[in-house]
Amino acid sequence: AQTDAAGRRTEYRLHMASGKLTSVILPDGRTVRYGYNSQLQLTSVTYPDGLRSSRKYDRQGRLAEETSRNGNITRWFYDFSRSGLPCAVEDGTGVRRRITRNRYGQLLAFTDCSGYTTRYEYDQYGQQIAVHREEGISTYSSYNPRGQLISRKDAQGRETRYEYSAAGDLTATISPDGKRSATEYDKRGRPVSVTEGGLTRSMGYDAAGRITVLTNENGSQSTFRYDPVDRLTEQRGFDGRTQRYQYDLTGKLTQSEDEGLIT
C-alpha cells in the first residue's frame, strides 16, 4: 500500500508466486484488476466502471491483438525476422499500415493507409540523416561527434542550426533567416531564461523543481503555488488576477475560484 502526503491510500495486490500486479484498490475504494496468461503476459485490465481491455499474443509471445476498453481492435503482423518488431499494424477500421526495418530494427520505410511510402536513411552510427516522402519532398539532418543534432535542411534547402552547452543542453536555435533563439539553464539543467528577438522571458523554481514564477518580456510576473502533493493551488496571472484551486481526496479538481467567481 502507498499513502501520499494528502493521506490518500492506494493498495496494490500481487500474485505471490509471480510477483505480478493483480489489482489496485484506489483511494475511493474502486478496484482495477489485471489478468495474465500462463507466460505471465498481461491479457486483460478490468476497470472500476466494468469496462475491459484485452490483449492476445501469437505463438512467439508477440502482441497480436489488442481490444481497448471502448471496443476498438488493433492488430499487429510480423515477418520472419528476429527483431520481434511488427511489419504491419491494422486499426479498428481495417486500415493497414506497413513497416519495413533494417537488420538493426530501424525504420526504413512506412506505407500509410493511402499507399504513400516514406523512406528513411541512417549514418554509420544509426542516426537518421534523411527522410524522403513520396511527393518528392526530402529533409536532411547532420550531427556533431556527440550525436547531437546540429542542422536540419528542409526540401527547399533552408537550414536550421542548433548549438549546445558542454553539459549537452540546447542553448541556441538559428532559423534559416538568421534569427536566433537562446536558452540559459541553471546547474540542474532547468531552463531559466529564453531570449528571442532581443526579448527575454525567465522562470524560477522552488526546491522541489516546480515553476513558481514566470517573468515575461515586459517584466510582468505570473506566480504559482502548490500543495504538498504537487497540485497547483493558486496562480496569479500576468494581469494580476488570482485563481485558486481545490481538490477532493482522490485528487480531482472540485473548485476553481477566479477573483471571487467560483466554478
Protein backbone atom coordinates (compact mmCIF):
# COMPACT_ATOMS: atom_id res chain seq x y z
CA ALA A 1 0.00 0.00 0.00
CA GLN A 2 1.02 3.58 -0.55
CA THR A 3 -0.23 6.70 1.22
CA ASP A 4 0.52 10.12 -0.23
CA ALA A 5 1.02 13.39 1.61
CA ALA A 6 -2.72 14.10 1.49
CA GLY A 7 -3.48 10.85 3.33
CA ARG A 8 -4.89 9.04 0.30
CA ARG A 9 -4.20 5.31 0.45
CA THR A 10 -3.74 3.15 -2.65
CA GLU A 11 -3.43 -0.60 -2.16
CA TYR A 12 -1.55 -2.90 -4.56
CA ARG A 13 -2.10 -6.65 -4.59
CA LEU A 14 0.41 -9.04 -6.15
CA HIS A 15 0.38 -12.70 -7.17
CA MET A 16 2.54 -14.45 -4.60
CA ALA A 17 4.40 -16.76 -7.00
CA SER A 18 5.00 -14.43 -9.95
CA GLY A 19 5.02 -11.04 -8.26
CA LYS A 20 2.67 -9.75 -10.94
CA LEU A 21 0.24 -6.98 -10.06
CA THR A 22 -3.29 -8.43 -9.86
CA SER A 23 -5.31 -5.47 -8.59
CA VAL A 24 -5.13 -1.88 -7.45
CA ILE A 25 -7.58 -0.54 -4.89
CA LEU A 26 -7.92 3.20 -5.38
CA PRO A 27 -8.38 5.71 -2.52
CA ASP A 28 -12.15 5.83 -3.15
CA GLY A 29 -12.44 2.03 -2.87
CA ARG A 30 -12.76 1.30 -6.57
CA THR A 31 -10.67 -1.54 -7.98
CA VAL A 32 -8.68 -2.11 -11.18
CA ARG A 33 -7.96 -5.80 -11.90
CA TYR A 34 -5.28 -7.37 -14.13
CA GLY A 35 -5.23 -10.78 -15.81
CA TYR A 36 -2.32 -12.77 -17.25
CA ASN A 37 -1.73 -15.87 -19.37
CA SER A 38 0.48 -18.85 -18.50
CA GLN A 39 3.51 -16.93 -19.84
CA LEU A 40 2.70 -14.12 -17.39
CA GLN A 41 1.85 -11.70 -20.19
CA LEU A 42 -0.86 -9.14 -19.50
CA THR A 43 -4.12 -10.30 -21.10
CA SER A 44 -6.77 -8.09 -19.54
CA VAL A 45 -7.45 -4.99 -17.49
CA THR A 46 -10.86 -4.57 -15.88
CA TYR A 47 -11.68 -1.02 -14.82
CA PRO A 48 -13.91 0.17 -11.95
CA ASP A 49 -16.70 1.07 -14.38
CA GLY A 50 -16.83 -2.54 -15.62
CA LEU A 51 -15.20 -1.84 -18.96
CA ARG A 52 -12.41 -4.18 -20.00
CA SER A 53 -9.40 -4.07 -22.31
CA SER A 54 -7.67 -7.24 -23.52
CA ARG A 55 -4.58 -8.50 -25.33
CA LYS A 56 -3.79 -11.59 -27.41
CA TYR A 57 -0.36 -12.93 -28.35
CA ASP A 58 0.99 -15.20 -31.10
CA ARG A 59 2.96 -18.43 -30.58
CA GLN A 60 6.19 -16.46 -30.29
CA GLY A 61 4.74 -14.38 -27.48
CA ARG A 62 4.42 -11.24 -29.58
CA LEU A 63 1.45 -8.92 -29.19
CA ALA A 64 -1.02 -9.82 -31.94
CA GLU A 65 -4.27 -8.12 -31.00
CA GLU A 66 -5.44 -5.53 -28.51
CA THR A 67 -9.01 -4.55 -27.74
CA SER A 68 -9.38 -1.21 -25.97
CA ARG A 69 -11.94 -0.53 -23.27
CA ASN A 70 -14.21 1.11 -25.87
CA GLY A 71 -14.08 -1.93 -28.16
CA ASN A 72 -11.59 -0.74 -30.77
CA ILE A 73 -9.37 -3.56 -32.05
CA THR A 74 -5.77 -3.12 -33.19
CA ARG A 75 -3.83 -5.98 -34.80
CA TRP A 76 -0.08 -6.44 -35.31
CA PHE A 77 1.57 -8.54 -38.02
CA TYR A 78 5.15 -9.82 -38.14
CA ASP A 79 7.58 -11.11 -40.76
CA PHE A 80 10.21 -13.81 -40.26
CA SER A 81 12.93 -11.50 -38.96
CA ARG A 82 14.28 -11.95 -35.48
CA SER A 83 13.71 -8.36 -34.43
CA GLY A 84 10.30 -9.12 -32.97
CA LEU A 85 9.05 -5.81 -34.34
CA PRO A 86 5.82 -5.64 -36.37
CA CYS A 87 5.84 -5.24 -40.14
CA ALA A 88 2.23 -4.03 -40.27
CA VAL A 89 -0.43 -2.58 -37.98
CA GLU A 90 -4.17 -2.73 -38.65
CA ASP A 91 -6.58 -0.44 -36.83
CA GLY A 92 -10.22 -0.95 -35.93
CA THR A 93 -11.43 0.22 -39.34
CA GLY A 94 -9.37 -2.42 -41.16
CA VAL A 95 -6.83 0.08 -42.45
CA ARG A 96 -3.35 -1.44 -42.54
CA ARG A 97 -0.06 0.45 -42.32
CA ARG A 98 3.12 -1.33 -43.45
CA ILE A 99 6.53 -1.01 -41.84
CA THR A 100 9.95 -2.07 -43.19
CA ARG A 101 13.02 -2.18 -40.95
CA ASN A 102 16.71 -2.92 -41.38
CA ARG A 103 18.57 -5.63 -39.50
CA TYR A 104 19.08 -3.27 -36.57
CA GLY A 105 15.36 -2.66 -36.20
CA GLN A 106 15.49 0.87 -37.57
CA LEU A 107 12.58 2.10 -39.67
CA LEU A 108 13.43 2.06 -43.39
CA ALA A 109 10.01 2.61 -44.92
CA PHE A 110 6.48 3.33 -43.77
CA THR A 111 3.46 2.95 -46.05
CA ASP A 112 0.35 4.70 -44.80
CA CYS A 113 -3.31 3.87 -45.34
CA SER A 114 -3.33 5.77 -48.66
CA GLY A 115 -0.43 3.77 -50.05
CA TYR A 116 2.10 6.60 -49.76
CA THR A 117 5.56 5.48 -48.69
CA THR A 118 8.08 7.45 -46.65
CA ARG A 119 11.69 6.21 -46.65
CA TYR A 120 14.43 6.81 -44.08
CA GLU A 121 18.25 6.84 -44.23
CA TYR A 122 20.81 6.48 -41.41
CA ASP A 123 24.52 7.05 -40.99
CA GLN A 124 27.04 4.51 -39.69
CA TYR A 125 26.15 5.46 -36.12
CA GLY A 126 22.45 4.78 -36.60
CA GLN A 127 21.48 8.45 -36.68
CA GLN A 128 18.69 9.41 -39.06
CA ILE A 129 20.17 11.63 -41.77
CA ALA A 130 17.40 11.79 -44.39
CA VAL A 131 13.65 11.39 -44.82
CA HIS A 132 12.23 11.00 -48.34
CA ARG A 133 8.50 11.36 -48.88
CA GLU A 134 6.67 10.03 -51.92
CA GLU A 135 5.79 13.53 -53.10
CA GLY A 136 9.49 14.13 -53.68
CA ILE A 137 9.96 16.13 -50.51
CA SER A 138 13.14 15.32 -48.57
CA THR A 139 14.70 16.60 -45.36
CA TYR A 140 18.29 16.13 -44.21
CA SER A 141 19.92 16.14 -40.77
CA SER A 142 23.52 16.27 -39.53
CA TYR A 143 25.09 15.67 -36.12
CA ASN A 144 28.18 16.55 -34.11
CA PRO A 145 30.57 13.90 -32.70
CA ARG A 146 28.42 13.69 -29.55
CA GLY A 147 25.42 12.64 -31.61
CA GLN A 148 23.57 15.92 -31.13
CA LEU A 149 21.54 17.34 -34.00
CA ILE A 150 23.34 20.44 -35.30
CA SER A 151 21.50 21.17 -38.54
CA ARG A 152 18.37 20.27 -40.46
CA LYS A 153 17.63 21.20 -44.07
CA ASP A 154 14.11 21.22 -45.47
CA ALA A 155 13.00 20.42 -49.01
CA GLN A 156 13.82 23.97 -50.13
CA GLY A 157 17.36 23.72 -48.76
CA ARG A 158 16.65 26.09 -45.87
CA GLU A 159 18.83 25.23 -42.89
CA THR A 160 18.07 25.43 -39.17
CA ARG A 161 21.11 25.15 -36.89
CA TYR A 162 21.44 24.12 -33.24
CA GLU A 163 24.04 24.84 -30.55
CA TYR A 164 24.68 23.10 -27.22
CA SER A 165 26.44 23.70 -23.92
CA ALA A 166 29.20 21.47 -22.56
CA ALA A 167 26.51 19.81 -20.43
CA GLY A 168 24.57 18.89 -23.56
CA ASP A 169 21.73 21.39 -23.16
CA LEU A 170 20.32 23.02 -26.28
CA THR A 171 21.40 26.66 -25.92
CA ALA A 172 20.54 28.20 -29.28
CA THR A 173 18.44 27.65 -32.37
CA ILE A 174 19.26 29.67 -35.50
CA SER A 175 16.47 29.74 -38.07
CA PRO A 176 17.06 29.90 -41.85
CA ASP A 177 16.59 33.70 -41.81
CA GLY A 178 19.34 34.07 -39.19
CA LYS A 179 17.08 34.75 -36.21
CA ARG A 180 18.49 33.34 -33.00
CA SER A 181 16.64 31.89 -30.01
CA ALA A 182 18.83 31.35 -26.93
CA THR A 183 18.14 29.43 -23.72
CA GLU A 184 20.05 29.56 -20.43
CA TYR A 185 19.97 26.82 -17.79
CA ASP A 186 20.72 26.53 -14.09
CA LYS A 187 23.07 23.97 -12.54
CA ARG A 188 20.28 21.38 -12.51
CA GLY A 189 19.69 21.69 -16.24
CA ARG A 190 16.43 23.62 -15.89
CA PRO A 191 15.76 26.47 -18.33
CA VAL A 192 15.85 29.82 -16.53
CA SER A 193 15.57 32.22 -19.47
CA VAL A 194 14.67 32.25 -23.15
CA THR A 195 15.67 35.13 -25.43
CA GLU A 196 14.11 35.66 -28.86
CA GLY A 197 14.36 38.77 -30.98
CA GLY A 198 16.08 40.62 -28.17
CA LEU A 199 13.23 39.93 -25.75
CA THR A 200 13.75 37.69 -22.71
CA ARG A 201 11.39 35.51 -20.70
CA SER A 202 12.57 33.95 -17.44
CA MET A 203 11.36 31.38 -14.92
CA GLY A 204 12.11 30.47 -11.31
CA TYR A 205 11.71 27.21 -9.37
CA ASP A 206 11.23 26.04 -5.81
CA ALA A 207 13.29 23.39 -4.01
CA ALA A 208 11.04 20.66 -5.46
CA GLY A 209 11.74 21.78 -9.02
CA ARG A 210 8.29 23.27 -9.60
CA ILE A 211 7.92 26.51 -11.53
CA THR A 212 6.98 29.26 -9.08
CA VAL A 213 7.38 32.39 -11.17
CA LEU A 214 7.36 33.35 -14.85
CA THR A 215 8.56 36.78 -15.96
CA ASN A 216 7.54 37.91 -19.44
CA GLU A 217 9.25 40.25 -21.89
CA ASN A 218 7.63 43.29 -20.26
CA GLY A 219 8.76 42.41 -16.75
CA SER A 220 5.31 41.30 -15.60
CA GLN A 221 5.21 38.20 -13.43
CA SER A 222 2.94 35.19 -13.05
CA THR A 223 3.33 33.16 -9.84
CA PHE A 224 2.32 29.64 -8.83
CA ARG A 225 1.71 27.85 -5.52
CA TYR A 226 1.33 24.12 -4.86
CA ASP A 227 0.16 21.79 -2.11
CA PRO A 228 2.37 19.04 -0.59
CA VAL A 229 1.40 16.59 -3.38
CA ASP A 230 2.40 18.96 -6.21
CA ARG A 231 -1.10 20.09 -7.17
CA LEU A 232 -1.47 23.68 -8.31
CA THR A 233 -3.46 25.58 -5.65
CA GLU A 234 -3.00 29.19 -6.72
CA GLN A 235 -1.98 31.02 -9.86
CA ARG A 236 -1.52 34.76 -10.15
CA GLY A 237 -1.58 35.82 -13.79
CA PHE A 238 0.40 38.49 -15.60
CA ASP A 239 -2.70 40.69 -15.33
CA GLY A 240 -2.65 40.42 -11.53
CA ARG A 241 -5.75 38.25 -11.27
CA THR A 242 -5.55 35.29 -8.90
CA GLN A 243 -7.10 31.87 -9.47
CA ARG A 244 -7.32 29.25 -6.71
CA TYR A 245 -7.98 25.50 -6.95
CA GLN A 246 -9.31 22.89 -4.52
CA TYR A 247 -9.28 19.08 -4.80
CA ASP A 248 -11.01 16.11 -3.18
CA LEU A 249 -9.28 13.14 -1.56
CA THR A 250 -8.94 11.34 -4.92
CA GLY A 251 -7.11 14.31 -6.45
CA LYS A 252 -9.97 15.50 -8.66
CA LEU A 253 -10.43 19.24 -9.07
CA THR A 254 -13.57 20.23 -7.17
CA GLN A 255 -13.44 24.01 -7.19
CA SER A 256 -11.86 26.80 -9.20
CA GLU A 257 -12.11 30.33 -7.85
CA ASP A 258 -11.24 33.24 -10.13
CA GLU A 259 -11.29 36.56 -8.25
CA GLY A 260 -14.46 35.65 -6.40
CA LEU A 261 -16.09 33.75 -9.26
CA ILE A 262 -16.43 30.10 -8.16
CA THR A 263 -16.93 27.25 -10.61
